[in-house]
Protein backbone atom coordinates (compact mmCIF):
# COMPACT_ATOMS: atom_id res chain seq x y z
CA MET A 1 -2.38 -41.49 -16.31
CA ALA A 2 -1.23 -44.53 -18.30
CA LEU A 3 -4.81 -45.78 -18.57
CA ASP A 4 -5.92 -42.39 -19.91
CA THR A 5 -3.11 -42.44 -22.48
CA LEU A 6 -4.05 -45.94 -23.61
CA ARG A 7 -7.69 -44.94 -23.92
CA ARG A 8 -6.74 -41.91 -26.02
CA LEU A 9 -4.48 -44.06 -28.18
CA LEU A 10 -7.32 -46.51 -28.80
CA ILE A 11 -9.69 -43.67 -29.75
CA PHE A 12 -6.91 -42.25 -31.95
CA ILE A 13 -6.58 -45.55 -33.83
CA VAL A 14 -10.34 -46.05 -34.18
CA LEU A 15 -10.86 -42.52 -35.54
CA CYS A 16 -7.95 -42.91 -37.97
CA LEU A 17 -9.31 -46.17 -39.32
CA ALA A 18 -12.88 -44.88 -39.54
CA GLN A 19 -11.79 -41.74 -41.37
CA ALA A 20 -9.37 -43.45 -43.74
CA MET A 21 -11.43 -46.52 -44.57
CA VAL A 22 -14.98 -45.15 -44.62
CA LEU A 23 -15.49 -41.43 -44.13
CA ASN A 24 -12.96 -40.17 -46.70
CA HIS A 25 -15.00 -41.89 -49.40
CA ILE A 26 -18.25 -40.12 -48.51
CA ARG A 27 -19.10 -36.95 -50.40
CA LEU A 28 -22.68 -35.93 -49.67
CA PHE A 29 -24.04 -34.05 -52.71
CA GLY A 30 -20.47 -33.82 -53.99
CA TYR A 31 -19.46 -31.35 -51.28
CA ALA A 32 -19.86 -32.50 -47.68
CA MET A 33 -17.29 -34.89 -46.25
CA PRO A 34 -17.58 -35.96 -42.60
CA MET A 35 -14.46 -35.13 -40.58
CA LEU A 36 -15.06 -37.25 -37.50
CA TYR A 37 -11.40 -37.11 -36.43
CA VAL A 38 -12.00 -33.54 -35.20
CA TYR A 39 -14.09 -35.07 -32.39
CA PHE A 40 -10.82 -36.23 -30.80
CA THR A 41 -9.77 -32.61 -30.32
CA ILE A 42 -13.22 -31.37 -29.33
CA ALA A 43 -13.48 -33.98 -26.56
CA MET A 44 -10.22 -33.04 -24.81
CA PRO A 45 -10.93 -32.31 -21.13
CA ARG A 46 -10.56 -28.84 -19.67
CA GLY A 47 -7.37 -29.29 -17.67
CA TYR A 48 -5.45 -31.34 -20.24
CA PRO A 49 -2.02 -29.80 -20.97
CA ARG A 50 -2.13 -27.60 -24.06
CA TRP A 51 1.17 -28.91 -25.39
CA ALA A 52 -0.18 -32.47 -25.20
CA THR A 53 -3.41 -31.46 -26.94
CA LEU A 54 -1.42 -29.86 -29.76
CA LEU A 55 0.85 -32.89 -30.03
CA TRP A 56 -2.06 -35.36 -30.17
CA ALA A 57 -3.87 -33.21 -32.74
CA PHE A 58 -0.83 -32.81 -34.96
CA ALA A 59 -0.09 -36.54 -34.83
CA LEU A 60 -3.70 -37.43 -35.63
CA GLY A 61 -3.77 -34.95 -38.49
CA LEU A 62 -0.49 -36.27 -39.84
CA VAL A 63 -1.71 -39.88 -39.78
CA ILE A 64 -4.97 -38.88 -41.50
CA ASP A 65 -2.91 -36.98 -44.08
CA MET A 66 -0.81 -40.05 -44.81
CA PHE A 67 -3.90 -42.19 -45.38
CA SER A 68 -5.76 -39.51 -47.33
CA ASN A 69 -2.92 -38.27 -49.54
CA THR A 70 -3.51 -34.70 -48.38
CA PRO A 71 -0.03 -33.48 -47.43
CA GLY A 72 -0.37 -31.34 -44.35
CA LEU A 73 -4.01 -30.28 -44.70
CA CYS A 74 -5.44 -32.28 -41.82
CA ALA A 75 -2.39 -31.69 -39.63
CA ALA A 76 -2.55 -27.91 -40.09
CA SER A 77 -6.30 -27.57 -39.65
CA LEU A 78 -6.51 -29.94 -36.69
CA THR A 79 -3.58 -28.25 -34.95
CA LEU A 80 -5.31 -24.89 -35.32
CA THR A 81 -8.49 -26.40 -33.91
CA ALA A 82 -6.56 -27.83 -30.96
CA LEU A 83 -4.95 -24.46 -30.38
CA LEU A 84 -8.34 -22.74 -30.14
CA GLN A 85 -10.19 -25.48 -28.21
CA PRO A 86 -9.10 -24.51 -24.66
CA TYR A 87 -9.85 -20.83 -25.24
CA LEU A 88 -13.29 -21.49 -26.71
CA LEU A 89 -14.03 -24.01 -23.96
CA GLU A 90 -13.38 -21.33 -21.33
CA LEU A 91 -16.24 -19.32 -22.83
CA PHE A 92 -18.69 -22.08 -21.94
CA VAL A 93 -17.59 -23.10 -18.43
CA SER A 94 -17.53 -21.15 -15.20
CA ARG A 95 -14.37 -20.53 -13.22
CA GLU A 96 -15.64 -22.79 -10.44
CA SER A 97 -15.88 -25.80 -12.76
CA PRO A 98 -13.48 -28.64 -12.02
CA ALA A 99 -10.14 -28.61 -13.84
CA ASN A 100 -10.73 -32.07 -15.32
CA LEU A 101 -14.21 -31.26 -16.70
CA LYS A 102 -15.06 -33.58 -19.59
CA THR A 103 -15.97 -31.85 -22.82
CA SER A 104 -19.17 -33.74 -23.56
CA VAL A 105 -22.92 -33.33 -23.45
CA ALA A 106 -22.91 -34.73 -19.91
CA GLY A 107 -20.21 -32.28 -18.76
CA LEU A 108 -21.35 -29.10 -20.51
CA GLY A 109 -24.99 -29.60 -21.36
CA PHE A 110 -26.44 -30.09 -24.82
CA ALA A 111 -26.64 -26.46 -25.96
CA LYS A 112 -23.13 -25.51 -24.79
CA PHE A 113 -21.56 -28.65 -26.23
CA LEU A 114 -23.38 -28.21 -29.54
CA THR A 115 -22.25 -24.59 -29.82
CA LEU A 116 -18.65 -25.41 -28.91
CA ALA A 117 -18.51 -28.34 -31.33
CA ALA A 118 -20.08 -26.26 -34.12
CA MET A 119 -17.57 -23.45 -33.62
CA LEU A 120 -14.58 -25.78 -33.62
CA LEU A 121 -15.87 -27.74 -36.61
CA LEU A 122 -16.47 -24.53 -38.52
CA VAL A 123 -12.92 -23.32 -37.83
CA ASN A 124 -11.51 -26.70 -38.84
CA SER A 125 -13.56 -26.89 -42.04
CA MET A 126 -12.77 -23.32 -43.04
CA ASP A 127 -9.06 -23.90 -42.56
CA TYR A 128 -9.09 -27.29 -44.28
CA TYR A 129 -10.94 -26.18 -47.40
CA SER A 130 -9.08 -22.87 -47.61
CA LEU A 131 -5.80 -24.76 -47.68
CA GLN A 132 -7.14 -27.44 -50.01
CA LEU A 133 -8.57 -25.10 -52.63
CA PHE A 134 -6.00 -22.34 -52.05
CA THR A 135 -8.22 -19.98 -53.99
CA PHE A 136 -11.45 -18.11 -53.46
CA VAL A 137 -12.47 -18.13 -57.11
CA ASP A 138 -15.24 -20.65 -56.42
CA LEU A 139 -16.51 -19.00 -53.26
CA GLN A 140 -19.89 -20.73 -53.45
CA GLY A 141 -18.29 -24.19 -53.72
CA TRP A 142 -15.98 -23.36 -50.82
CA GLY A 143 -18.93 -22.24 -48.69
CA LEU A 144 -20.95 -25.34 -49.54
CA ARG A 145 -18.01 -27.58 -48.60
CA VAL A 146 -17.43 -25.75 -45.31
CA VAL A 147 -21.07 -25.62 -44.23
CA GLY A 148 -21.90 -29.12 -45.50
CA SER A 149 -18.90 -30.77 -43.85
CA THR A 150 -19.50 -28.89 -40.60
CA LEU A 151 -23.17 -29.86 -40.41
CA LEU A 152 -22.62 -33.48 -41.45
CA THR A 153 -19.83 -33.94 -38.90
CA LEU A 154 -21.90 -32.19 -36.22
CA VAL A 155 -24.80 -34.59 -36.79
CA ILE A 156 -22.46 -37.59 -36.43
CA ILE A 157 -20.88 -36.16 -33.27
CA VAL A 158 -24.30 -35.48 -31.69
CA ALA A 159 -25.32 -39.06 -32.51
CA ILE A 160 -22.15 -40.40 -30.86
CA GLU A 161 -22.69 -38.18 -27.82
CA SER A 162 -26.30 -39.34 -27.44
CA VAL A 163 -25.08 -42.95 -27.44
CA ARG A 164 -22.29 -42.12 -24.97
CA LYS A 165 -24.72 -40.31 -22.68
CA THR A 166 -27.08 -43.26 -22.39
CA SER A 167 -24.36 -45.86 -21.83
């Protein structure tokens, strides 16, 4: 248990640094920003306690908010994503699957993992940009930000998963 917590803490720190130092400064076509920190929530295993998932997600979102100067945006959207992750994961696994099933391409298969990650990223992006803009006057800009950020982050996550799968 302590080794798992240390591993999660290391991933937490790496994702925080990557997001704050590099990814927050990327705006593809002026709209799409990669939100790699959501991968931390997506990759939570099946049997992980829900309260711990919510706590990790809120803490990660809060740290990203502090580095990004976005008061509460990341914390709120990532907590919502963490709240929905176990329920959406249950749609993709059978009841006979082990309780500690890893949420990865190796554990779920490529199509199921891609669909789950896309759904969670879409929820996160919709919540994030809805809270950030707090208006639907520029509905086209909002949609471009949501779709662009979701697709860009999904491509990065699939690349990471393909590297993880081979190693």
